[in-house]
Amino acid sequence: MGFDYYVSKPFQHSDILSTLETCLNVKYNYEDHTEAVLEESDDIDWSKIKVPEEIKSQILKSAELYSITSLERACDQLESVENGGKELAQPLRKLLKHYDMDEIISVINKTA
């Protein structure tokens, strides 16, 4: 029908890259940015940050679905949370820039 592959929604970043690798016969070299992002936040004790359940579940669901817009909105809401919300939102935004949903889920699960 005029195409070789398709990626259905909700898609994951890795699905698109895998399809491009196949179609273009290329191999990507991936850099791990997770350590650098989290090293900047080493002094934060995630377990002391109380994330409202509504925001926490929104972040987890959005990360599972790779919903960038929804994650950005959740980070906006998180910034208004007292006692660490702003400090948590910053590394989450950096992880979001690198589409590191697994690490976003990991960090959120470490919070109170």
PDB file of N, CA and C in Angstrom:
ATOM      1  N   MET A   1       0.802  -1.188   0.000  1.00  0.00           N
ATOM      2  CA  MET A   1       0.000   0.000   0.000  1.00  0.00           C
ATOM      3  C   MET A   1       0.857   1.270   0.000  1.00  0.00           C
ATOM      4  N   GLY A   2       2.135   1.163  -0.301  1.00  0.00           N
ATOM      5  CA  GLY A   2       2.968   2.352  -0.389  1.00  0.00           C
ATOM      6  C   GLY A   2       3.830   2.625   0.824  1.00  0.00           C
ATOM      7  N   PHE A   3       3.866   1.724   1.805  1.00  0.00           N
ATOM      8  CA  PHE A   3       4.757   1.929   2.945  1.00  0.00           C
ATOM      9  C   PHE A   3       5.296   0.587   3.400  1.00  0.00           C
ATOM     10  N   ASP A   4       6.447   0.648   4.082  1.00  0.00           N
ATOM     11  CA  ASP A   4       7.104  -0.574   4.533  1.00  0.00           C
ATOM     12  C   ASP A   4       6.795  -0.910   5.991  1.00  0.00           C
ATOM     13  N   TYR A   5       6.667   0.118   6.828  1.00  0.00           N
ATOM     14  CA  TYR A   5       6.435  -0.073   8.255  1.00  0.00           C
ATOM     15  C   TYR A   5       5.491   0.999   8.767  1.00  0.00           C
ATOM     16  N   TYR A   6       4.965   0.769   9.942  1.00  0.00           N
ATOM     17  CA  TYR A   6       4.182   1.790  10.623  1.00  0.00           C
ATOM     18  C   TYR A   6       4.406   1.614  12.124  1.00  0.00           C
ATOM     19  N   VAL A   7       4.204   2.676  12.844  1.00  0.00           N
ATOM     20  CA  VAL A   7       4.306   2.650  14.297  1.00  0.00           C
ATOM     21  C   VAL A   7       2.966   3.138  14.837  1.00  0.00           C
ATOM     22  N   SER A   8       2.301   2.283  15.578  1.00  0.00           N
ATOM     23  CA  SER A   8       0.980   2.650  16.093  1.00  0.00           C
ATOM     24  C   SER A   8       1.101   3.413  17.411  1.00  0.00           C
ATOM     25  N   LYS A   9       0.085   4.214  17.694  1.00  0.00           N
ATOM     26  CA  LYS A   9       0.040   4.981  18.936  1.00  0.00           C
ATOM     27  C   LYS A   9      -0.592   4.139  20.029  1.00  0.00           C
ATOM     28  N   PRO A  10      -0.270   4.332  21.275  1.00  0.00           N
ATOM     29  CA  PRO A  10       0.803   5.202  21.741  1.00  0.00           C
ATOM     30  C   PRO A  10       2.146   4.532  21.464  1.00  0.00           C
ATOM     31  N   PHE A  11       3.026   5.245  20.840  1.00  0.00           N
ATOM     32  CA  PHE A  11       4.322   4.683  20.499  1.00  0.00           C
ATOM     33  C   PHE A  11       5.362   5.078  21.526  1.00  0.00           C
ATOM     34  N   GLN A  12       6.419   4.318  21.536  1.00  0.00           N
ATOM     35  CA  GLN A  12       7.540   4.636  22.397  1.00  0.00           C
ATOM     36  C   GLN A  12       8.687   5.123  21.518  1.00  0.00           C
ATOM     37  N   HIS A  13       9.478   5.969  22.087  1.00  0.00           N
ATOM     38  CA  HIS A  13      10.623   6.544  21.388  1.00  0.00           C
ATOM     39  C   HIS A  13      11.469   5.431  20.762  1.00  0.00           C
ATOM     40  N   SER A  14      11.666   4.358  21.498  1.00  0.00           N
ATOM     41  CA  SER A  14      12.484   3.245  21.006  1.00  0.00           C
ATOM     42  C   SER A  14      11.856   2.582  19.773  1.00  0.00           C
ATOM     43  N   ASP A  15      10.518   2.581  19.683  1.00  0.00           N
ATOM     44  CA  ASP A  15       9.840   2.006  18.515  1.00  0.00           C
ATOM     45  C   ASP A  15      10.172   2.788  17.245  1.00  0.00           C
ATOM     46  N   ILE A  16      10.174   4.100  17.373  1.00  0.00           N
ATOM     47  CA  ILE A  16      10.477   4.954  16.216  1.00  0.00           C
ATOM     48  C   ILE A  16      11.920   4.756  15.784  1.00  0.00           C
ATOM     49  N   LEU A  17      12.831   4.758  16.762  1.00  0.00           N
ATOM     50  CA  LEU A  17      14.248   4.587  16.420  1.00  0.00           C
ATOM     51  C   LEU A  17      14.515   3.213  15.806  1.00  0.00           C
ATOM     52  N   SER A  18      13.878   2.209  16.332  1.00  0.00           N
ATOM     53  CA  SER A  18      14.042   0.862  15.784  1.00  0.00           C
ATOM     54  C   SER A  18      13.541   0.783  14.341  1.00  0.00           C
ATOM     55  N   THR A  19      12.402   1.399  14.080  1.00  0.00           N
ATOM     56  CA  THR A  19      11.846   1.417  12.721  1.00  0.00           C
ATOM     57  C   THR A  19      12.765   2.174  11.778  1.00  0.00           C
ATOM     58  N   LEU A  20      13.292   3.304  12.231  1.00  0.00           N
ATOM     59  CA  LEU A  20      14.228   4.072  11.396  1.00  0.00           C
ATOM     60  C   LEU A  20      15.500   3.278  11.119  1.00  0.00           C
ATOM     61  N   GLU A  21      15.994   2.581  12.138  1.00  0.00           N
ATOM     62  CA  GLU A  21      17.180   1.745  11.929  1.00  0.00           C
ATOM     63  C   GLU A  21      16.928   0.706  10.838  1.00  0.00           C
ATOM     64  N   THR A  22      15.768   0.084  10.893  1.00  0.00           N
ATOM     65  CA  THR A  22      15.423  -0.944   9.918  1.00  0.00           C
ATOM     66  C   THR A  22      15.252  -0.358   8.517  1.00  0.00           C
ATOM     67  N   CYS A  23      14.486   0.716   8.418  1.00  0.00           N
ATOM     68  CA  CYS A  23      14.189   1.315   7.113  1.00  0.00           C
ATOM     69  C   CYS A  23      15.421   1.938   6.463  1.00  0.00           C
ATOM     70  N   LEU A  24      16.258   2.567   7.269  1.00  0.00           N
ATOM     71  CA  LEU A  24      17.410   3.286   6.722  1.00  0.00           C
ATOM     72  C   LEU A  24      18.700   2.469   6.769  1.00  0.00           C
ATOM     73  N   ASN A  25      18.611   1.288   7.383  1.00  0.00           N
ATOM     74  CA  ASN A  25      19.781   0.418   7.518  1.00  0.00           C
ATOM     75  C   ASN A  25      20.931   1.169   8.206  1.00  0.00           C
ATOM     76  N   VAL A  26      20.617   1.781   9.353  1.00  0.00           N
ATOM     77  CA  VAL A  26      21.608   2.505  10.137  1.00  0.00           C
ATOM     78  C   VAL A  26      21.637   1.939  11.546  1.00  0.00           C
ATOM     79  N   LYS A  27      22.685   2.250  12.276  1.00  0.00           N
ATOM     80  CA  LYS A  27      22.808   1.833  13.672  1.00  0.00           C
ATOM     81  C   LYS A  27      23.067   3.068  14.515  1.00  0.00           C
ATOM     82  N   TYR A  28      22.243   3.296  15.525  1.00  0.00           N
ATOM     83  CA  TYR A  28      22.405   4.445  16.398  1.00  0.00           C
ATOM     84  C   TYR A  28      23.366   4.125  17.530  1.00  0.00           C
ATOM     85  N   ASN A  29      24.158   5.116  17.921  1.00  0.00           N
ATOM     86  CA  ASN A  29      25.007   5.028  19.101  1.00  0.00           C
ATOM     87  C   ASN A  29      24.341   5.863  20.177  1.00  0.00           C
ATOM     88  N   TYR A  30      23.950   5.227  21.269  1.00  0.00           N
ATOM     89  CA  TYR A  30      23.219   5.909  22.318  1.00  0.00           C
ATOM     90  C   TYR A  30      24.162   6.335  23.437  1.00  0.00           C
ATOM     91  N   GLU A  31      23.926   7.534  23.949  1.00  0.00           N
ATOM     92  CA  GLU A  31      24.651   8.020  25.105  1.00  0.00           C
ATOM     93  C   GLU A  31      23.730   7.943  26.301  1.00  0.00           C
ATOM     94  N   ASP A  32      24.296   7.603  27.448  1.00  0.00           N
ATOM     95  CA  ASP A  32      23.503   7.542  28.666  1.00  0.00           C
ATOM     96  C   ASP A  32      23.626   8.855  29.406  1.00  0.00           C
ATOM     97  N   HIS A  33      22.535   9.621  29.395  1.00  0.00           N
ATOM     98  CA  HIS A  33      22.514  10.924  30.056  1.00  0.00           C
ATOM     99  C   HIS A  33      21.949  10.825  31.474  1.00  0.00           C
ATOM    100  N   THR A  34      21.446   9.675  31.841  1.00  0.00           N
ATOM    101  CA  THR A  34      20.783   9.522  33.124  1.00  0.00           C
ATOM    102  C   THR A  34      21.711   9.852  34.284  1.00  0.00           C
ATOM    103  N   GLU A  35      22.920   9.285  34.265  1.00  0.00           N
ATOM    104  CA  GLU A  35      23.850   9.531  35.365  1.00  0.00           C
ATOM    105  C   GLU A  35      24.138  11.006  35.533  1.00  0.00           C
ATOM    106  N   ALA A  36      24.395  11.706  34.432  1.00  0.00           N
ATOM    107  CA  ALA A  36      24.714  13.129  34.507  1.00  0.00           C
ATOM    108  C   ALA A  36      23.550  13.928  35.072  1.00  0.00           C
ATOM    109  N   VAL A  37      22.348  13.604  34.660  1.00  0.00           N
ATOM    110  CA  VAL A  37      21.163  14.317  35.146  1.00  0.00           C
ATOM    111  C   VAL A  37      20.988  14.080  36.637  1.00  0.00           C
ATOM    112  N   LEU A  38      21.123  12.844  37.066  1.00  0.00           N
ATOM    113  CA  LEU A  38      20.878  12.523  38.465  1.00  0.00           C
ATOM    114  C   LEU A  38      22.036  12.923  39.367  1.00  0.00           C
ATOM    115  N   GLU A  39      23.255  12.994  38.840  1.00  0.00           N
ATOM    116  CA  GLU A  39      24.398  13.456  39.637  1.00  0.00           C
ATOM    117  C   GLU A  39      24.188  14.888  40.087  1.00  0.00           C
ATOM    118  N   GLU A  40      23.568  15.708  39.247  1.00  0.00           N
ATOM    119  CA  GLU A  40      23.286  17.093  39.603  1.00  0.00           C
ATOM    120  C   GLU A  40      22.318  17.171  40.776  1.00  0.00           C
ATOM    121  N   SER A  41      21.579  16.108  41.024  1.00  0.00           N
ATOM    122  CA  SER A  41      20.564  16.096  42.080  1.00  0.00           C
ATOM    123  C   SER A  41      20.931  15.140  43.204  1.00  0.00           C
ATOM    124  N   ASP A  42      22.213  14.813  43.323  1.00  0.00           N
ATOM    125  CA  ASP A  42      22.657  13.844  44.326  1.00  0.00           C
ATOM    126  C   ASP A  42      22.305  14.222  45.758  1.00  0.00           C
ATOM    127  N   ASP A  43      22.247  15.514  46.035  1.00  0.00           N
ATOM    128  CA  ASP A  43      21.994  15.945  47.400  1.00  0.00           C
ATOM    129  C   ASP A  43      20.507  15.924  47.775  1.00  0.00           C
ATOM    130  N   ILE A  44      19.661  15.537  46.847  1.00  0.00           N
ATOM    131  CA  ILE A  44      18.221  15.482  47.116  1.00  0.00           C
ATOM    132  C   ILE A  44      17.853  14.095  47.633  1.00  0.00           C
ATOM    133  N   ASP A  45      17.165  14.069  48.761  1.00  0.00           N
ATOM    134  CA  ASP A  45      16.632  12.815  49.293  1.00  0.00           C
ATOM    135  C   ASP A  45      15.210  12.675  48.766  1.00  0.00           C
ATOM    136  N   TRP A  46      15.060  11.892  47.702  1.00  0.00           N
ATOM    137  CA  TRP A  46      13.764  11.754  47.030  1.00  0.00           C
ATOM    138  C   TRP A  46      12.668  11.311  47.990  1.00  0.00           C
ATOM    139  N   SER A  47      13.030  10.453  48.962  1.00  0.00           N
ATOM    140  CA  SER A  47      12.019   9.893  49.859  1.00  0.00           C
ATOM    141  C   SER A  47      11.386  10.941  50.771  1.00  0.00           C
ATOM    142  N   LYS A  48      12.020  12.119  50.896  1.00  0.00           N
ATOM    143  CA  LYS A  48      11.464  13.174  51.740  1.00  0.00           C
ATOM    144  C   LYS A  48      10.538  14.113  50.969  1.00  0.00           C
ATOM    145  N   ILE A  49      10.461  13.936  49.671  1.00  0.00           N
ATOM    146  CA  ILE A  49       9.591  14.788  48.859  1.00  0.00           C
ATOM    147  C   ILE A  49       8.217  14.129  48.773  1.00  0.00           C
ATOM    148  N   LYS A  50       7.229  14.827  49.280  1.00  0.00           N
ATOM    149  CA  LYS A  50       5.856  14.309  49.280  1.00  0.00           C
ATOM    150  C   LYS A  50       5.148  14.814  48.024  1.00  0.00           C
ATOM    151  N   VAL A  51       4.948  13.907  47.086  1.00  0.00           N
ATOM    152  CA  VAL A  51       4.269  14.248  45.840  1.00  0.00           C
ATOM    153  C   VAL A  51       2.792  13.886  45.995  1.00  0.00           C
ATOM    154  N   PRO A  52       1.899  14.846  45.770  1.00  0.00           N
ATOM    155  CA  PRO A  52       0.471  14.521  45.846  1.00  0.00           C
ATOM    156  C   PRO A  52       0.128  13.333  44.942  1.00  0.00           C
ATOM    157  N   GLU A  53      -0.704  12.467  45.446  1.00  0.00           N
ATOM    158  CA  GLU A  53      -1.035  11.221  44.727  1.00  0.00           C
ATOM    159  C   GLU A  53      -1.542  11.481  43.312  1.00  0.00           C
ATOM    160  N   GLU A  54      -2.320  12.539  43.138  1.00  0.00           N
ATOM    161  CA  GLU A  54      -2.857  12.864  41.801  1.00  0.00           C
ATOM    162  C   GLU A  54      -1.730  13.158  40.808  1.00  0.00           C
ATOM    163  N   ILE A  55      -0.738  13.940  41.239  1.00  0.00           N
ATOM    164  CA  ILE A  55       0.390  14.278  40.363  1.00  0.00           C
ATOM    165  C   ILE A  55       1.267  13.055  40.132  1.00  0.00           C
ATOM    166  N   LYS A  56       1.499  12.296  41.208  1.00  0.00           N
ATOM    167  CA  LYS A  56       2.329  11.096  41.096  1.00  0.00           C
ATOM    168  C   LYS A  56       1.734  10.107  40.093  1.00  0.00           C
ATOM    169  N   SER A  57       0.441   9.859  40.193  1.00  0.00           N
ATOM    170  CA  SER A  57      -0.182   8.902  39.267  1.00  0.00           C
ATOM    171  C   SER A  57      -0.207   9.449  37.845  1.00  0.00           C
ATOM    172  N   GLN A  58      -0.365  10.767  37.707  1.00  0.00           N
ATOM    173  CA  GLN A  58      -0.331  11.368  36.371  1.00  0.00           C
ATOM    174  C   GLN A  58       1.051  11.194  35.735  1.00  0.00           C
ATOM    175  N   ILE A  59       2.097  11.402  36.516  1.00  0.00           N
ATOM    176  CA  ILE A  59       3.461  11.247  35.998  1.00  0.00           C
ATOM    177  C   ILE A  59       3.715   9.796  35.611  1.00  0.00           C
ATOM    178  N   LEU A  60       3.348   8.868  36.470  1.00  0.00           N
ATOM    179  CA  LEU A  60       3.578   7.449  36.174  1.00  0.00           C
ATOM    180  C   LEU A  60       2.820   7.004  34.928  1.00  0.00           C
ATOM    181  N   LYS A  61       1.562   7.367  34.834  1.00  0.00           N
ATOM    182  CA  LYS A  61       0.746   6.985  33.669  1.00  0.00           C
ATOM    183  C   LYS A  61       1.295   7.627  32.398  1.00  0.00           C
ATOM    184  N   SER A  62       1.634   8.905  32.483  1.00  0.00           N
ATOM    185  CA  SER A  62       2.145   9.625  31.313  1.00  0.00           C
ATOM    186  C   SER A  62       3.480   9.056  30.842  1.00  0.00           C
ATOM    187  N   ALA A  63       4.336   8.689  31.788  1.00  0.00           N
ATOM    188  CA  ALA A  63       5.632   8.105  31.423  1.00  0.00           C
ATOM    189  C   ALA A  63       5.445   6.748  30.743  1.00  0.00           C
ATOM    190  N   GLU A  64       4.515   5.963  31.236  1.00  0.00           N
ATOM    191  CA  GLU A  64       4.238   4.658  30.617  1.00  0.00           C
ATOM    192  C   GLU A  64       3.726   4.811  29.189  1.00  0.00           C
ATOM    193  N   LEU A  65       2.965   5.888  28.945  1.00  0.00           N
ATOM    194  CA  LEU A  65       2.398   6.129  27.616  1.00  0.00           C
ATOM    195  C   LEU A  65       3.271   7.031  26.739  1.00  0.00           C
ATOM    196  N   TYR A  66       4.410   7.467  27.288  1.00  0.00           N
ATOM    197  CA  TYR A  66       5.292   8.401  26.575  1.00  0.00           C
ATOM    198  C   TYR A  66       4.538   9.665  26.163  1.00  0.00           C
ATOM    199  N   SER A  67       3.706  10.152  27.057  1.00  0.00           N
ATOM    200  CA  SER A  67       2.920  11.360  26.793  1.00  0.00           C
ATOM    201  C   SER A  67       3.701  12.577  27.270  1.00  0.00           C
ATOM    202  N   ILE A  68       4.454  13.170  26.363  1.00  0.00           N
ATOM    203  CA  ILE A  68       5.331  14.294  26.687  1.00  0.00           C
ATOM    204  C   ILE A  68       4.529  15.491  27.203  1.00  0.00           C
ATOM    205  N   THR A  69       3.461  15.840  26.522  1.00  0.00           N
ATOM    206  CA  THR A  69       2.650  16.992  26.913  1.00  0.00           C
ATOM    207  C   THR A  69       2.098  16.823  28.319  1.00  0.00           C
ATOM    208  N   SER A  70       1.603  15.646  28.614  1.00  0.00           N
ATOM    209  CA  SER A  70       1.053  15.380  29.935  1.00  0.00           C
ATOM    210  C   SER A  70       2.145  15.428  31.006  1.00  0.00           C
ATOM    211  N   LEU A  71       3.329  14.936  30.685  1.00  0.00           N
ATOM    212  CA  LEU A  71       4.446  15.000  31.637  1.00  0.00           C
ATOM    213  C   LEU A  71       4.886  16.439  31.882  1.00  0.00           C
ATOM    214  N   GLU A  72       4.883  17.243  30.842  1.00  0.00           N
ATOM    215  CA  GLU A  72       5.238  18.654  31.012  1.00  0.00           C
ATOM    216  C   GLU A  72       4.235  19.348  31.928  1.00  0.00           C
ATOM    217  N   ARG A  73       2.951  19.053  31.746  1.00  0.00           N
ATOM    218  CA  ARG A  73       1.914  19.630  32.607  1.00  0.00           C
ATOM    219  C   ARG A  73       2.094  19.183  34.057  1.00  0.00           C
ATOM    220  N   ALA A  74       2.421  17.903  34.230  1.00  0.00           N
ATOM    221  CA  ALA A  74       2.623  17.379  35.585  1.00  0.00           C
ATOM    222  C   ALA A  74       3.828  18.051  36.250  1.00  0.00           C
ATOM    223  N   CYS A  75       4.873  18.310  35.492  1.00  0.00           N
ATOM    224  CA  CYS A  75       6.041  19.012  36.041  1.00  0.00           C
ATOM    225  C   CYS A  75       5.673  20.443  36.426  1.00  0.00           C
ATOM    226  N   ASP A  76       4.821  21.077  35.633  1.00  0.00           N
ATOM    227  CA  ASP A  76       4.342  22.421  35.975  1.00  0.00           C
ATOM    228  C   ASP A  76       3.609  22.388  37.317  1.00  0.00           C
ATOM    229  N   GLN A  77       2.751  21.391  37.493  1.00  0.00           N
ATOM    230  CA  GLN A  77       2.012  21.252  38.751  1.00  0.00           C
ATOM    231  C   GLN A  77       2.963  20.939  39.903  1.00  0.00           C
ATOM    232  N   LEU A  78       3.938  20.113  39.626  1.00  0.00           N
ATOM    233  CA  LEU A  78       4.902  19.702  40.645  1.00  0.00           C
ATOM    234  C   LEU A  78       5.701  20.889  41.181  1.00  0.00           C
ATOM    235  N   GLU A  79       5.970  21.850  40.334  1.00  0.00           N
ATOM    236  CA  GLU A  79       6.746  23.012  40.762  1.00  0.00           C
ATOM    237  C   GLU A  79       6.040  23.826  41.844  1.00  0.00           C
ATOM    238  N   SER A  80       4.732  23.720  41.938  1.00  0.00           N
ATOM    239  CA  SER A  80       3.999  24.464  42.963  1.00  0.00           C
ATOM    240  C   SER A  80       3.892  23.689  44.276  1.00  0.00           C
ATOM    241  N   VAL A  81       4.378  22.459  44.305  1.00  0.00           N
ATOM    242  CA  VAL A  81       4.334  21.648  45.516  1.00  0.00           C
ATOM    243  C   VAL A  81       5.447  22.110  46.463  1.00  0.00           C
ATOM    244  N   GLU A  82       5.084  22.357  47.697  1.00  0.00           N
ATOM    245  CA  GLU A  82       6.062  22.812  48.684  1.00  0.00           C
ATOM    246  C   GLU A  82       6.987  21.678  49.104  1.00  0.00           C
ATOM    247  N   ASN A  83       8.121  22.054  49.659  1.00  0.00           N
ATOM    248  CA  ASN A  83       9.095  21.113  50.221  1.00  0.00           C
ATOM    249  C   ASN A  83       9.653  20.129  49.196  1.00  0.00           C
ATOM    250  N   GLY A  84      10.155  20.658  48.099  1.00  0.00           N
ATOM    251  CA  GLY A  84      10.886  19.816  47.163  1.00  0.00           C
ATOM    252  C   GLY A  84      10.283  19.627  45.794  1.00  0.00           C
ATOM    253  N   GLY A  85       9.086  20.116  45.577  1.00  0.00           N
ATOM    254  CA  GLY A  85       8.452  19.935  44.273  1.00  0.00           C
ATOM    255  C   GLY A  85       9.248  20.548  43.139  1.00  0.00           C
ATOM    256  N   LYS A  86       9.735  21.755  43.350  1.00  0.00           N
ATOM    257  CA  LYS A  86      10.517  22.447  42.325  1.00  0.00           C
ATOM    258  C   LYS A  86      11.840  21.713  42.073  1.00  0.00           C
ATOM    259  N   GLU A  87      12.474  21.243  43.150  1.00  0.00           N
ATOM    260  CA  GLU A  87      13.740  20.517  43.027  1.00  0.00           C
ATOM    261  C   GLU A  87      13.560  19.184  42.299  1.00  0.00           C
ATOM    262  N   LEU A  88      12.407  18.572  42.447  1.00  0.00           N
ATOM    263  CA  LEU A  88      12.110  17.316  41.764  1.00  0.00           C
ATOM    264  C   LEU A  88      11.754  17.557  40.306  1.00  0.00           C
ATOM    265  N   ALA A  89      11.043  18.632  40.034  1.00  0.00           N
ATOM    266  CA  ALA A  89      10.610  18.921  38.662  1.00  0.00           C
ATOM    267  C   ALA A  89      11.797  19.149  37.732  1.00  0.00           C
ATOM    268  N   GLN A  90      12.861  19.772  38.222  1.00  0.00           N
ATOM    269  CA  GLN A  90      14.014  20.079  37.369  1.00  0.00           C
ATOM    270  C   GLN A  90      14.675  18.830  36.779  1.00  0.00           C
ATOM    271  N   PRO A  91      15.060  17.840  37.588  1.00  0.00           N
ATOM    272  CA  PRO A  91      15.654  16.637  36.979  1.00  0.00           C
ATOM    273  C   PRO A  91      14.658  15.849  36.126  1.00  0.00           C
ATOM    274  N   LEU A  92      13.375  15.891  36.517  1.00  0.00           N
ATOM    275  CA  LEU A  92      12.376  15.194  35.695  1.00  0.00           C
ATOM    276  C   LEU A  92      12.294  15.813  34.311  1.00  0.00           C
ATOM    277  N   ARG A  93      12.358  17.129  34.234  1.00  0.00           N
ATOM    278  CA  ARG A  93      12.339  17.805  32.926  1.00  0.00           C
ATOM    279  C   ARG A  93      13.563  17.427  32.092  1.00  0.00           C
ATOM    280  N   LYS A  94      14.707  17.310  32.744  1.00  0.00           N
ATOM    281  CA  LYS A  94      15.924  16.918  32.013  1.00  0.00           C
ATOM    282  C   LYS A  94      15.812  15.486  31.499  1.00  0.00           C
ATOM    283  N   LEU A  95      15.283  14.591  32.331  1.00  0.00           N
ATOM    284  CA  LEU A  95      15.069  13.212  31.893  1.00  0.00           C
ATOM    285  C   LEU A  95      14.053  13.173  30.759  1.00  0.00           C
ATOM    286  N   LEU A  96      13.061  14.028  30.839  1.00  0.00           N
ATOM    287  CA  LEU A  96      12.036  14.110  29.796  1.00  0.00           C
ATOM    288  C   LEU A  96      12.644  14.538  28.467  1.00  0.00           C
ATOM    289  N   LYS A  97      13.596  15.464  28.509  1.00  0.00           N
ATOM    290  CA  LYS A  97      14.271  15.898  27.277  1.00  0.00           C
ATOM    291  C   LYS A  97      14.977  14.744  26.581  1.00  0.00           C
ATOM    292  N   HIS A  98      15.419  13.764  27.365  1.00  0.00           N
ATOM    293  CA  HIS A  98      16.125  12.603  26.817  1.00  0.00           C
ATOM    294  C   HIS A  98      15.203  11.391  26.659  1.00  0.00           C
ATOM    295  N   TYR A  99      13.911  11.630  26.854  1.00  0.00           N
ATOM    296  CA  TYR A  99      12.900  10.569  26.708  1.00  0.00           C
ATOM    297  C   TYR A  99      13.195   9.361  27.593  1.00  0.00           C
ATOM    298  N   ASP A 100      13.746   9.611  28.766  1.00  0.00           N
ATOM    299  CA  ASP A 100      14.110   8.531  29.679  1.00  0.00           C
ATOM    300  C   ASP A 100      12.948   8.242  30.632  1.00  0.00           C
ATOM    301  N   MET A 101      11.925   7.622  30.105  1.00  0.00           N
ATOM    302  CA  MET A 101      10.716   7.355  30.869  1.00  0.00           C
ATOM    303  C   MET A 101      10.953   6.361  32.000  1.00  0.00           C
ATOM    304  N   ASP A 102      11.820   5.389  31.764  1.00  0.00           N
ATOM    305  CA  ASP A 102      12.101   4.404  32.812  1.00  0.00           C
ATOM    306  C   ASP A 102      12.699   5.075  34.044  1.00  0.00           C
ATOM    307  N   GLU A 103      13.604   6.012  33.833  1.00  0.00           N
ATOM    308  CA  GLU A 103      14.221   6.703  34.962  1.00  0.00           C
ATOM    309  C   GLU A 103      13.239   7.667  35.624  1.00  0.00           C
ATOM    310  N   ILE A 104      12.356   8.285  34.845  1.00  0.00           N
ATOM    311  CA  ILE A 104      11.323   9.143  35.432  1.00  0.00           C
ATOM    312  C   ILE A 104      10.458   8.305  36.379  1.00  0.00           C
ATOM    313  N   ILE A 105      10.066   7.131  35.937  1.00  0.00           N
ATOM    314  CA  ILE A 105       9.266   6.239  36.771  1.00  0.00           C
ATOM    315  C   ILE A 105      10.047   5.844  38.018  1.00  0.00           C
ATOM    316  N   SER A 106      11.319   5.532  37.853  1.00  0.00           N
ATOM    317  CA  SER A 106      12.160   5.142  38.975  1.00  0.00           C
ATOM    318  C   SER A 106      12.258   6.264  40.006  1.00  0.00           C
ATOM    319  N   VAL A 107      12.493   7.494  39.553  1.00  0.00           N
ATOM    320  CA  VAL A 107      12.617   8.621  40.479  1.00  0.00           C
ATOM    321  C   VAL A 107      11.302   8.875  41.207  1.00  0.00           C
ATOM    322  N   ILE A 108      10.199   8.872  40.489  1.00  0.00           N
ATOM    323  CA  ILE A 108       8.894   9.114  41.112  1.00  0.00           C
ATOM    324  C   ILE A 108       8.566   8.038  42.149  1.00  0.00           C
ATOM    325  N   ASN A 109       8.935   6.820  41.863  1.00  0.00           N
ATOM    326  CA  ASN A 109       8.677   5.734  42.825  1.00  0.00           C
ATOM    327  C   ASN A 109       9.525   5.847  44.081  1.00  0.00           C
ATOM    328  N   LYS A 110      10.581   6.650  44.046  1.00  0.00           N
ATOM    329  CA  LYS A 110      11.428   6.856  45.232  1.00  0.00           C
ATOM    330  C   LYS A 110      10.863   7.941  46.156  1.00  0.00           C
ATOM    331  N   THR A 111       9.888   8.712  45.652  1.00  0.00           N
ATOM    332  CA  THR A 111       9.323   9.788  46.461  1.00  0.00           C
ATOM    333  C   THR A 111       8.289   9.260  47.438  1.00  0.00           C
ATOM    334  N   ALA A 112       7.981  10.109  48.423  1.00  0.00           N
ATOM    335  CA  ALA A 112       6.989   9.712  49.442  1.00  0.00           C
ATOM    336  C   ALA A 112       5.585   9.771  48.872  1.00  0.00           C
TER     337      ALA A 112
END
